[in-house]
Amino acid sequence: MTQDEAKGEIVAERGAPREKKLNFFARIALFIRQVFAELRKVVTPTRQELIKFTAVVLGFVVVMMAIVYGLDVLFVWITTAVFGVPGTAGA
């Protein structure tokens, strides 16, 4: 194992022999260290970025709702045209 100079991460060398498996508590400690390393990489969006991202998501949801609603209306119209409206056959 070597440490990547640019990012400080521990990476395996190519062709290096595998190390023996860590015990349960060492694996938990390694996992927690890796979680904290990943959390340090998180970038919190600015207020304007957050508003922009929220608007994009809400806009996408509205567009998808409109598409689903349009398909629903289309399928109801096709079903009614093919099978007719129940209860009006003998009237």
Protein backbone atom coordinates (compact mmCIF):
# COMPACT_ATOMS: atom_id res chain seq x y z
CA MET A 1 0.00 0.00 0.00
CA THR A 2 1.17 3.48 -0.79
CA GLN A 3 -0.19 6.88 -0.02
CA ASP A 4 -1.33 8.96 -2.96
CA GLU A 5 0.58 12.24 -2.71
CA ALA A 6 -2.08 14.43 -4.35
CA LYS A 7 -5.06 13.35 -2.31
CA GLY A 8 -3.54 11.61 0.69
CA GLU A 9 -5.49 8.42 0.08
CA ILE A 10 -4.11 4.97 0.65
CA VAL A 11 -4.06 2.96 -2.57
CA ALA A 12 -2.77 -0.48 -3.51
CA GLU A 13 0.26 -0.74 -5.75
CA ARG A 14 -0.10 -2.67 -8.97
CA GLY A 15 1.24 -6.18 -8.58
CA ALA A 16 1.66 -5.83 -4.82
CA PRO A 17 0.83 -8.92 -2.75
CA ARG A 18 -2.47 -8.77 -0.93
CA GLU A 19 -2.37 -8.00 2.75
CA LYS A 20 -4.07 -10.33 5.17
CA LYS A 21 -7.64 -9.55 6.13
CA LEU A 22 -8.08 -7.12 9.02
CA ASN A 23 -9.99 -8.15 12.11
CA PHE A 24 -13.54 -6.94 12.76
CA PHE A 25 -12.64 -3.87 14.84
CA ALA A 26 -9.83 -2.80 12.49
CA ARG A 27 -12.26 -2.96 9.55
CA ILE A 28 -14.75 -0.78 11.46
CA ALA A 29 -12.00 1.73 12.29
CA LEU A 30 -10.87 1.77 8.64
CA PHE A 31 -14.45 2.29 7.50
CA ILE A 32 -14.92 5.23 9.89
CA ARG A 33 -11.63 6.81 8.72
CA GLN A 34 -12.75 6.45 5.12
CA VAL A 35 -16.15 7.98 5.92
CA PHE A 36 -14.48 11.03 7.47
CA ALA A 37 -12.12 11.29 4.49
CA GLU A 38 -15.12 11.33 2.13
CA LEU A 39 -16.98 13.86 4.29
CA ARG A 40 -14.01 16.24 4.02
CA LYS A 41 -14.52 16.21 0.23
CA VAL A 42 -18.14 17.39 0.45
CA VAL A 43 -18.73 20.91 -0.83
CA THR A 44 -21.75 22.70 0.58
CA PRO A 45 -23.63 24.64 -2.12
CA THR A 46 -24.11 28.38 -1.76
CA ARG A 47 -27.59 29.75 -1.17
CA GLN A 48 -27.99 30.73 -4.83
CA GLU A 49 -26.81 27.30 -6.02
CA LEU A 50 -29.24 25.63 -3.64
CA ILE A 51 -32.14 27.75 -4.94
CA LYS A 52 -31.13 27.01 -8.55
CA PHE A 53 -30.86 23.25 -7.92
CA THR A 54 -34.20 23.22 -6.10
CA ALA A 55 -35.87 25.07 -8.99
CA VAL A 56 -34.42 22.62 -11.51
CA VAL A 57 -35.67 19.63 -9.51
CA LEU A 58 -39.14 21.12 -9.02
CA GLY A 59 -39.32 22.04 -12.72
CA PHE A 60 -38.35 18.50 -13.71
CA VAL A 61 -40.98 17.04 -11.36
CA VAL A 62 -43.68 19.31 -12.83
CA VAL A 63 -42.72 18.33 -16.39
CA MET A 64 -42.77 14.62 -15.50
CA MET A 65 -46.16 15.02 -13.78
CA ALA A 66 -47.52 16.70 -16.92
CA ILE A 67 -46.22 13.86 -19.11
CA VAL A 68 -47.73 11.19 -16.85
CA TYR A 69 -51.03 13.08 -16.68
CA GLY A 70 -51.10 13.45 -20.48
CA LEU A 71 -50.42 9.74 -20.97
CA ASP A 72 -53.13 8.89 -18.44
CA VAL A 73 -55.69 11.05 -20.26
CA LEU A 74 -54.60 9.53 -23.60
CA PHE A 75 -54.95 5.95 -22.33
CA VAL A 76 -58.37 6.71 -20.79
CA TRP A 77 -59.52 8.17 -24.12
CA ILE A 78 -58.20 5.14 -26.07
CA THR A 79 -59.76 2.69 -23.62
CA THR A 80 -63.11 4.49 -23.78
CA ALA A 81 -63.01 4.56 -27.58
CA VAL A 82 -62.17 0.85 -27.84
CA PHE A 83 -64.41 -0.58 -25.11
CA GLY A 84 -67.08 2.11 -24.80
CA VAL A 85 -68.55 3.66 -21.68
CA PRO A 86 -70.10 1.08 -19.33
CA GLY A 87 -73.82 1.39 -18.71
CA THR A 88 -74.72 3.12 -22.00
CA ALA A 89 -74.94 0.01 -24.22
CA GLY A 90 -78.68 -0.61 -23.89
CA ALA A 91 -79.97 2.88 -23.24
